[in-house]
Amino acid sequence: MIQRKQSVFLLLAFIASVVCLCLRIGDIEPAGMGVGFKLYNLMLDKGASVDYSPCGLFGILLISSAMSLATIFLYRNRKLQSSLCL
């Protein structure tokens, strides 16, 4: 499965994107309200009444991690694997 350095880097990219799916994006405190909340990639912190949806970033990270994982198994066709990595 992992025959080239390229496949090892793809595996590391997959692990990094899965870790990014679970990390916090930031703290948001609306002006004048005084109550802040934490924005995660998968969800909002409990008690948040403001609609800041992280669905776009979640979708991009999900597609990126799926492509990295799928590209690892294309080790027999190096040209296709290289073009998908780009």
PDB file of N, CA and C in Angstrom:
ATOM      1  N   MET A   1       0.823  -1.186   0.000  1.00  0.00           N
ATOM      2  CA  MET A   1       0.000   0.000   0.000  1.00  0.00           C
ATOM      3  C   MET A   1       0.870   1.253   0.000  1.00  0.00           C
ATOM      4  N   ILE A   2       1.752   1.369   0.964  1.00  0.00           N
ATOM      5  CA  ILE A   2       2.594   2.557   1.036  1.00  0.00           C
ATOM      6  C   ILE A   2       3.954   2.185   0.463  1.00  0.00           C
ATOM      7  N   GLN A   3       4.124   2.450  -0.827  1.00  0.00           N
ATOM      8  CA  GLN A   3       5.340   2.057  -1.509  1.00  0.00           C
ATOM      9  C   GLN A   3       6.237   3.229  -1.849  1.00  0.00           C
ATOM     10  N   ARG A   4       5.690   4.428  -1.856  1.00  0.00           N
ATOM     11  CA  ARG A   4       6.478   5.603  -2.224  1.00  0.00           C
ATOM     12  C   ARG A   4       6.414   6.630  -1.117  1.00  0.00           C
ATOM     13  N   LYS A   5       7.362   7.571  -1.172  1.00  0.00           N
ATOM     14  CA  LYS A   5       7.327   8.682  -0.221  1.00  0.00           C
ATOM     15  C   LYS A   5       6.058   9.499  -0.411  1.00  0.00           C
ATOM     16  N   GLN A   6       5.590   9.557  -1.627  1.00  0.00           N
ATOM     17  CA  GLN A   6       4.386  10.308  -1.948  1.00  0.00           C
ATOM     18  C   GLN A   6       3.185   9.749  -1.175  1.00  0.00           C
ATOM     19  N   SER A   7       3.103   8.440  -1.041  1.00  0.00           N
ATOM     20  CA  SER A   7       2.001   7.824  -0.303  1.00  0.00           C
ATOM     21  C   SER A   7       2.095   8.120   1.191  1.00  0.00           C
ATOM     22  N   VAL A   8       3.304   8.206   1.706  1.00  0.00           N
ATOM     23  CA  VAL A   8       3.480   8.553   3.116  1.00  0.00           C
ATOM     24  C   VAL A   8       3.015   9.980   3.365  1.00  0.00           C
ATOM     25  N   PHE A   9       3.359  10.898   2.457  1.00  0.00           N
ATOM     26  CA  PHE A   9       2.921  12.278   2.608  1.00  0.00           C
ATOM     27  C   PHE A   9       1.412  12.405   2.462  1.00  0.00           C
ATOM     28  N   LEU A  10       0.817  11.583   1.600  1.00  0.00           N
ATOM     29  CA  LEU A  10      -0.642  11.591   1.471  1.00  0.00           C
ATOM     30  C   LEU A  10      -1.302  11.086   2.755  1.00  0.00           C
ATOM     31  N   LEU A  11      -0.704  10.094   3.381  1.00  0.00           N
ATOM     32  CA  LEU A  11      -1.229   9.598   4.647  1.00  0.00           C
ATOM     33  C   LEU A  11      -1.123  10.661   5.737  1.00  0.00           C
ATOM     34  N   LEU A  12      -0.011  11.389   5.763  1.00  0.00           N
ATOM     35  CA  LEU A  12       0.136  12.487   6.723  1.00  0.00           C
ATOM     36  C   LEU A  12      -0.860  13.613   6.444  1.00  0.00           C
ATOM     37  N   ALA A  13      -1.129  13.894   5.173  1.00  0.00           N
ATOM     38  CA  ALA A  13      -2.113  14.914   4.819  1.00  0.00           C
ATOM     39  C   ALA A  13      -3.510  14.487   5.246  1.00  0.00           C
ATOM     40  N   PHE A  14      -3.816  13.208   5.112  1.00  0.00           N
ATOM     41  CA  PHE A  14      -5.116  12.694   5.548  1.00  0.00           C
ATOM     42  C   PHE A  14      -5.271  12.829   7.059  1.00  0.00           C
ATOM     43  N   ILE A  15      -4.245  12.469   7.796  1.00  0.00           N
ATOM     44  CA  ILE A  15      -4.294  12.572   9.257  1.00  0.00           C
ATOM     45  C   ILE A  15      -4.429  14.025   9.691  1.00  0.00           C
ATOM     46  N   ALA A  16      -3.697  14.921   9.038  1.00  0.00           N
ATOM     47  CA  ALA A  16      -3.777  16.345   9.386  1.00  0.00           C
ATOM     48  C   ALA A  16      -5.156  16.928   9.091  1.00  0.00           C
ATOM     49  N   SER A  17      -5.773  16.532   7.988  1.00  0.00           N
ATOM     50  CA  SER A  17      -7.098  17.068   7.673  1.00  0.00           C
ATOM     51  C   SER A  17      -8.166  16.513   8.605  1.00  0.00           C
ATOM     52  N   VAL A  18      -8.021  15.277   9.053  1.00  0.00           N
ATOM     53  CA  VAL A  18      -8.970  14.726  10.031  1.00  0.00           C
ATOM     54  C   VAL A  18      -8.812  15.433  11.376  1.00  0.00           C
ATOM     55  N   VAL A  19      -7.580  15.742  11.756  1.00  0.00           N
ATOM     56  CA  VAL A  19      -7.352  16.488  13.000  1.00  0.00           C
ATOM     57  C   VAL A  19      -7.947  17.890  12.882  1.00  0.00           C
ATOM     58  N   CYS A  20      -7.816  18.523  11.713  1.00  0.00           N
ATOM     59  CA  CYS A  20      -8.383  19.859  11.511  1.00  0.00           C
ATOM     60  C   CYS A  20      -9.903  19.849  11.580  1.00  0.00           C
ATOM     61  N   LEU A  21     -10.524  18.730  11.253  1.00  0.00           N
ATOM     62  CA  LEU A  21     -11.976  18.644  11.353  1.00  0.00           C
ATOM     63  C   LEU A  21     -12.446  18.750  12.799  1.00  0.00           C
ATOM     64  N   CYS A  22     -11.617  18.381  13.745  1.00  0.00           N
ATOM     65  CA  CYS A  22     -12.020  18.352  15.147  1.00  0.00           C
ATOM     66  C   CYS A  22     -11.550  19.559  15.949  1.00  0.00           C
ATOM     67  N   LEU A  23     -10.687  20.386  15.394  1.00  0.00           N
ATOM     68  CA  LEU A  23     -10.148  21.516  16.142  1.00  0.00           C
ATOM     69  C   LEU A  23     -11.089  22.716  16.137  1.00  0.00           C
ATOM     70  N   ARG A  24     -10.868  23.588  17.085  1.00  0.00           N
ATOM     71  CA  ARG A  24     -11.658  24.811  17.197  1.00  0.00           C
ATOM     72  C   ARG A  24     -11.165  25.825  16.172  1.00  0.00           C
ATOM     73  N   ILE A  25     -12.107  26.521  15.530  1.00  0.00           N
ATOM     74  CA  ILE A  25     -11.761  27.542  14.547  1.00  0.00           C
ATOM     75  C   ILE A  25     -11.466  28.859  15.236  1.00  0.00           C
ATOM     76  N   GLY A  26     -12.314  29.236  16.181  1.00  0.00           N
ATOM     77  CA  GLY A  26     -12.065  30.498  16.869  1.00  0.00           C
ATOM     78  C   GLY A  26     -13.142  30.821  17.884  1.00  0.00           C
ATOM     79  N   ASP A  27     -12.925  31.922  18.600  1.00  0.00           N
ATOM     80  CA  ASP A  27     -13.890  32.446  19.558  1.00  0.00           C
ATOM     81  C   ASP A  27     -14.547  33.668  18.938  1.00  0.00           C
ATOM     82  N   ILE A  28     -15.853  33.725  19.026  1.00  0.00           N
ATOM     83  CA  ILE A  28     -16.587  34.852  18.464  1.00  0.00           C
ATOM     84  C   ILE A  28     -17.351  35.532  19.593  1.00  0.00           C
ATOM     85  N   GLU A  29     -17.173  36.843  19.682  1.00  0.00           N
ATOM     86  CA  GLU A  29     -17.913  37.627  20.663  1.00  0.00           C
ATOM     87  C   GLU A  29     -18.584  38.784  19.928  1.00  0.00           C
ATOM     88  N   PRO A  30     -19.888  38.692  19.703  1.00  0.00           N
ATOM     89  CA  PRO A  30     -20.590  39.765  19.007  1.00  0.00           C
ATOM     90  C   PRO A  30     -20.489  41.076  19.771  1.00  0.00           C
ATOM     91  N   ALA A  31     -20.373  42.187  19.047  1.00  0.00           N
ATOM     92  CA  ALA A  31     -20.200  43.503  19.665  1.00  0.00           C
ATOM     93  C   ALA A  31     -21.422  43.877  20.493  1.00  0.00           C
ATOM     94  N   GLY A  32     -21.173  44.288  21.725  1.00  0.00           N
ATOM     95  CA  GLY A  32     -22.234  44.764  22.597  1.00  0.00           C
ATOM     96  C   GLY A  32     -23.014  43.690  23.322  1.00  0.00           C
ATOM     97  N   MET A  33     -22.804  42.423  23.003  1.00  0.00           N
ATOM     98  CA  MET A  33     -23.575  41.375  23.659  1.00  0.00           C
ATOM     99  C   MET A  33     -22.854  40.819  24.878  1.00  0.00           C
ATOM    100  N   GLY A  34     -21.551  40.810  24.846  1.00  0.00           N
ATOM    101  CA  GLY A  34     -20.786  40.351  25.999  1.00  0.00           C
ATOM    102  C   GLY A  34     -20.734  38.852  26.189  1.00  0.00           C
ATOM    103  N   VAL A  35     -21.490  38.101  25.435  1.00  0.00           N
ATOM    104  CA  VAL A  35     -21.487  36.644  25.567  1.00  0.00           C
ATOM    105  C   VAL A  35     -20.826  36.063  24.329  1.00  0.00           C
ATOM    106  N   GLY A  36     -19.681  35.450  24.525  1.00  0.00           N
ATOM    107  CA  GLY A  36     -18.973  34.858  23.399  1.00  0.00           C
ATOM    108  C   GLY A  36     -19.265  33.378  23.286  1.00  0.00           C
ATOM    109  N   PHE A  37     -18.898  32.804  22.170  1.00  0.00           N
ATOM    110  CA  PHE A  37     -19.024  31.365  21.998  1.00  0.00           C
ATOM    111  C   PHE A  37     -17.878  30.868  21.147  1.00  0.00           C
ATOM    112  N   LYS A  38     -17.679  29.588  21.199  1.00  0.00           N
ATOM    113  CA  LYS A  38     -16.581  28.962  20.464  1.00  0.00           C
ATOM    114  C   LYS A  38     -17.142  28.328  19.195  1.00  0.00           C
ATOM    115  N   LEU A  39     -16.431  28.528  18.098  1.00  0.00           N
ATOM    116  CA  LEU A  39     -16.834  27.987  16.812  1.00  0.00           C
ATOM    117  C   LEU A  39     -15.916  26.823  16.467  1.00  0.00           C
ATOM    118  N   TYR A  40     -16.492  25.644  16.398  1.00  0.00           N
ATOM    119  CA  TYR A  40     -15.747  24.457  15.994  1.00  0.00           C
ATOM    120  C   TYR A  40     -16.078  24.155  14.541  1.00  0.00           C
ATOM    121  N   ASN A  41     -15.300  23.307  13.916  1.00  0.00           N
ATOM    122  CA  ASN A  41     -15.538  22.975  12.521  1.00  0.00           C
ATOM    123  C   ASN A  41     -16.783  22.106  12.367  1.00  0.00           C
ATOM    124  N   LEU A  42     -17.086  21.294  13.343  1.00  0.00           N
ATOM    125  CA  LEU A  42     -18.227  20.404  13.242  1.00  0.00           C
ATOM    126  C   LEU A  42     -19.484  20.961  13.883  1.00  0.00           C
ATOM    127  N   MET A  43     -19.366  21.950  14.765  1.00  0.00           N
ATOM    128  CA  MET A  43     -20.529  22.412  15.507  1.00  0.00           C
ATOM    129  C   MET A  43     -20.248  23.779  16.113  1.00  0.00           C
ATOM    130  N   LEU A  44     -21.276  24.379  16.655  1.00  0.00           N
ATOM    131  CA  LEU A  44     -21.154  25.588  17.451  1.00  0.00           C
ATOM    132  C   LEU A  44     -21.199  25.202  18.921  1.00  0.00           C
ATOM    133  N   ASP A  45     -20.618  26.031  19.750  1.00  0.00           N
ATOM    134  CA  ASP A  45     -20.671  25.819  21.185  1.00  0.00           C
ATOM    135  C   ASP A  45     -22.119  25.949  21.667  1.00  0.00           C
ATOM    136  N   LYS A  46     -22.460  25.220  22.707  1.00  0.00           N
ATOM    137  CA  LYS A  46     -23.817  25.303  23.242  1.00  0.00           C
ATOM    138  C   LYS A  46     -24.096  26.716  23.736  1.00  0.00           C
ATOM    139  N   GLY A  47     -25.316  27.181  23.528  1.00  0.00           N
ATOM    140  CA  GLY A  47     -25.688  28.512  23.960  1.00  0.00           C
ATOM    141  C   GLY A  47     -25.448  29.581  22.906  1.00  0.00           C
ATOM    142  N   ALA A  48     -25.025  29.204  21.741  1.00  0.00           N
ATOM    143  CA  ALA A  48     -24.785  30.194  20.683  1.00  0.00           C
ATOM    144  C   ALA A  48     -26.073  30.421  19.912  1.00  0.00           C
ATOM    145  N   SER A  49     -26.521  31.660  19.897  1.00  0.00           N
ATOM    146  CA  SER A  49     -27.751  31.972  19.180  1.00  0.00           C
ATOM    147  C   SER A  49     -27.476  32.626  17.826  1.00  0.00           C
ATOM    148  N   VAL A  50     -26.231  32.897  17.527  1.00  0.00           N
ATOM    149  CA  VAL A  50     -25.861  33.520  16.258  1.00  0.00           C
ATOM    150  C   VAL A  50     -25.556  32.422  15.253  1.00  0.00           C
ATOM    151  N   ASP A  51     -25.966  32.624  14.019  1.00  0.00           N
ATOM    152  CA  ASP A  51     -25.798  31.581  13.003  1.00  0.00           C
ATOM    153  C   ASP A  51     -24.521  31.814  12.211  1.00  0.00           C
ATOM    154  N   TYR A  52     -23.423  31.246  12.687  1.00  0.00           N
ATOM    155  CA  TYR A  52     -22.168  31.213  11.938  1.00  0.00           C
ATOM    156  C   TYR A  52     -21.946  29.755  11.564  1.00  0.00           C
ATOM    157  N   SER A  53     -22.270  29.401  10.371  1.00  0.00           N
ATOM    158  CA  SER A  53     -22.209  28.010   9.961  1.00  0.00           C
ATOM    159  C   SER A  53     -20.848  27.694   9.336  1.00  0.00           C
ATOM    160  N   PRO A  54     -20.148  26.726   9.875  1.00  0.00           N
ATOM    161  CA  PRO A  54     -18.855  26.336   9.312  1.00  0.00           C
ATOM    162  C   PRO A  54     -18.969  25.236   8.257  1.00  0.00           C
ATOM    163  N   CYS A  55     -20.120  25.119   7.604  1.00  0.00           N
ATOM    164  CA  CYS A  55     -20.341  24.014   6.668  1.00  0.00           C
ATOM    165  C   CYS A  55     -19.408  24.071   5.456  1.00  0.00           C
ATOM    166  N   GLY A  56     -19.064  25.262   4.988  1.00  0.00           N
ATOM    167  CA  GLY A  56     -18.186  25.368   3.825  1.00  0.00           C
ATOM    168  C   GLY A  56     -16.800  24.813   4.092  1.00  0.00           C
ATOM    169  N   LEU A  57     -16.225  25.200   5.216  1.00  0.00           N
ATOM    170  CA  LEU A  57     -14.906  24.692   5.584  1.00  0.00           C
ATOM    171  C   LEU A  57     -14.951  23.193   5.854  1.00  0.00           C
ATOM    172  N   PHE A  58     -16.023  22.735   6.501  1.00  0.00           N
ATOM    173  CA  PHE A  58     -16.191  21.311   6.760  1.00  0.00           C
ATOM    174  C   PHE A  58     -16.229  20.516   5.457  1.00  0.00           C
ATOM    175  N   GLY A  59     -16.958  21.027   4.463  1.00  0.00           N
ATOM    176  CA  GLY A  59     -17.055  20.340   3.174  1.00  0.00           C
ATOM    177  C   GLY A  59     -15.714  20.265   2.459  1.00  0.00           C
ATOM    178  N   ILE A  60     -14.974  21.369   2.476  1.00  0.00           N
ATOM    179  CA  ILE A  60     -13.666  21.387   1.822  1.00  0.00           C
ATOM    180  C   ILE A  60     -12.704  20.405   2.493  1.00  0.00           C
ATOM    181  N   LEU A  61     -12.690  20.385   3.825  1.00  0.00           N
ATOM    182  CA  LEU A  61     -11.808  19.459   4.539  1.00  0.00           C
ATOM    183  C   LEU A  61     -12.227  18.011   4.333  1.00  0.00           C
ATOM    184  N   LEU A  62     -13.521  17.761   4.258  1.00  0.00           N
ATOM    185  CA  LEU A  62     -14.002  16.405   4.041  1.00  0.00           C
ATOM    186  C   LEU A  62     -13.612  15.901   2.655  1.00  0.00           C
ATOM    187  N   ILE A  63     -13.769  16.741   1.640  1.00  0.00           N
ATOM    188  CA  ILE A  63     -13.383  16.360   0.274  1.00  0.00           C
ATOM    189  C   ILE A  63     -11.875  16.159   0.188  1.00  0.00           C
ATOM    190  N   SER A  64     -11.120  17.036   0.827  1.00  0.00           N
ATOM    191  CA  SER A  64      -9.660  16.931   0.807  1.00  0.00           C
ATOM    192  C   SER A  64      -9.177  15.645   1.474  1.00  0.00           C
ATOM    193  N   SER A  65      -9.755  15.309   2.607  1.00  0.00           N
ATOM    194  CA  SER A  65      -9.328  14.088   3.293  1.00  0.00           C
ATOM    195  C   SER A  65      -9.749  12.843   2.517  1.00  0.00           C
ATOM    196  N   ALA A  66     -10.918  12.871   1.904  1.00  0.00           N
ATOM    197  CA  ALA A  66     -11.359  11.720   1.102  1.00  0.00           C
ATOM    198  C   ALA A  66     -10.468  11.529  -0.125  1.00  0.00           C
ATOM    199  N   MET A  67     -10.087  12.635  -0.770  1.00  0.00           N
ATOM    200  CA  MET A  67      -9.199  12.517  -1.934  1.00  0.00           C
ATOM    201  C   MET A  67      -7.821  12.018  -1.538  1.00  0.00           C
ATOM    202  N   SER A  68      -7.312  12.469  -0.391  1.00  0.00           N
ATOM    203  CA  SER A  68      -5.996  12.001   0.065  1.00  0.00           C
ATOM    204  C   SER A  68      -6.022  10.504   0.343  1.00  0.00           C
ATOM    205  N   LEU A  69      -7.082  10.049   0.988  1.00  0.00           N
ATOM    206  CA  LEU A  69      -7.176   8.626   1.305  1.00  0.00           C
ATOM    207  C   LEU A  69      -7.351   7.791   0.039  1.00  0.00           C
ATOM    208  N   ALA A  70      -8.164   8.262  -0.891  1.00  0.00           N
ATOM    209  CA  ALA A  70      -8.378   7.518  -2.135  1.00  0.00           C
ATOM    210  C   ALA A  70      -7.125   7.498  -3.002  1.00  0.00           C
ATOM    211  N   THR A  71      -6.365   8.568  -2.988  1.00  0.00           N
ATOM    212  CA  THR A  71      -5.169   8.662  -3.820  1.00  0.00           C
ATOM    213  C   THR A  71      -4.063   7.739  -3.319  1.00  0.00           C
ATOM    214  N   ILE A  72      -4.057   7.423  -2.038  1.00  0.00           N
ATOM    215  CA  ILE A  72      -3.049   6.499  -1.505  1.00  0.00           C
ATOM    216  C   ILE A  72      -3.146   5.152  -2.205  1.00  0.00           C
ATOM    217  N   PHE A  73      -4.370   4.710  -2.491  1.00  0.00           N
ATOM    218  CA  PHE A  73      -4.560   3.380  -3.072  1.00  0.00           C
ATOM    219  C   PHE A  73      -4.357   3.345  -4.587  1.00  0.00           C
ATOM    220  N   LEU A  74      -3.966   4.456  -5.181  1.00  0.00           N
ATOM    221  CA  LEU A  74      -3.661   4.496  -6.615  1.00  0.00           C
ATOM    222  C   LEU A  74      -2.168   4.373  -6.866  1.00  0.00           C
ATOM    223  N   TYR A  75      -1.473   3.619  -6.031  1.00  0.00           N
ATOM    224  CA  TYR A  75      -0.018   3.526  -6.155  1.00  0.00           C
ATOM    225  C   TYR A  75       0.419   2.804  -7.422  1.00  0.00           C
ATOM    226  N   ARG A  76      -0.459   2.033  -8.037  1.00  0.00           N
ATOM    227  CA  ARG A  76      -0.075   1.323  -9.259  1.00  0.00           C
ATOM    228  C   ARG A  76      -0.038   2.251 -10.474  1.00  0.00           C
ATOM    229  N   ASN A  77      -0.837   3.320 -10.423  1.00  0.00           N
ATOM    230  CA  ASN A  77      -0.887   4.275 -11.527  1.00  0.00           C
ATOM    231  C   ASN A  77      -0.299   5.593 -11.042  1.00  0.00           C
ATOM    232  N   ARG A  78       1.019   5.730 -11.195  1.00  0.00           N
ATOM    233  CA  ARG A  78       1.723   6.872 -10.616  1.00  0.00           C
ATOM    234  C   ARG A  78       1.325   8.195 -11.265  1.00  0.00           C
ATOM    235  N   LYS A  79       1.078   8.192 -12.580  1.00  0.00           N
ATOM    236  CA  LYS A  79       0.705   9.436 -13.260  1.00  0.00           C
ATOM    237  C   LYS A  79      -0.625   9.971 -12.720  1.00  0.00           C
ATOM    238  N   LEU A  80      -1.599   9.074 -12.553  1.00  0.00           N
ATOM    239  CA  LEU A  80      -2.895   9.506 -12.022  1.00  0.00           C
ATOM    240  C   LEU A  80      -2.770   9.967 -10.571  1.00  0.00           C
ATOM    241  N   GLN A  81      -1.958   9.259  -9.804  1.00  0.00           N
ATOM    242  CA  GLN A  81      -1.744   9.646  -8.407  1.00  0.00           C
ATOM    243  C   GLN A  81      -1.097  11.023  -8.323  1.00  0.00           C
ATOM    244  N   SER A  82      -0.116  11.297  -9.171  1.00  0.00           N
ATOM    245  CA  SER A  82       0.542  12.602  -9.168  1.00  0.00           C
ATOM    246  C   SER A  82      -0.411  13.716  -9.578  1.00  0.00           C
ATOM    247  N   SER A  83      -1.227  13.455 -10.590  1.00  0.00           N
ATOM    248  CA  SER A  83      -2.153  14.499 -11.038  1.00  0.00           C
ATOM    249  C   SER A  83      -3.241  14.768  -9.996  1.00  0.00           C
ATOM    250  N   LEU A  84      -3.683  13.759  -9.277  1.00  0.00           N
ATOM    251  CA  LEU A  84      -4.665  13.974  -8.223  1.00  0.00           C
ATOM    252  C   LEU A  84      -4.055  14.687  -7.022  1.00  0.00           C
ATOM    253  N   CYS A  85      -2.774  14.506  -6.797  1.00  0.00           N
ATOM    254  CA  CYS A  85      -2.101  15.206  -5.700  1.00  0.00           C
ATOM    255  C   CYS A  85      -2.010  16.700  -5.979  1.00  0.00           C
ATOM    256  N   LEU A  86      -1.863  17.036  -7.249  1.00  0.00           N
ATOM    257  CA  LEU A  86      -1.797  18.456  -7.586  1.00  0.00           C
ATOM    258  C   LEU A  86      -3.125  19.102  -7.353  1.00  0.00           C
TER     259      LEU A  86
END
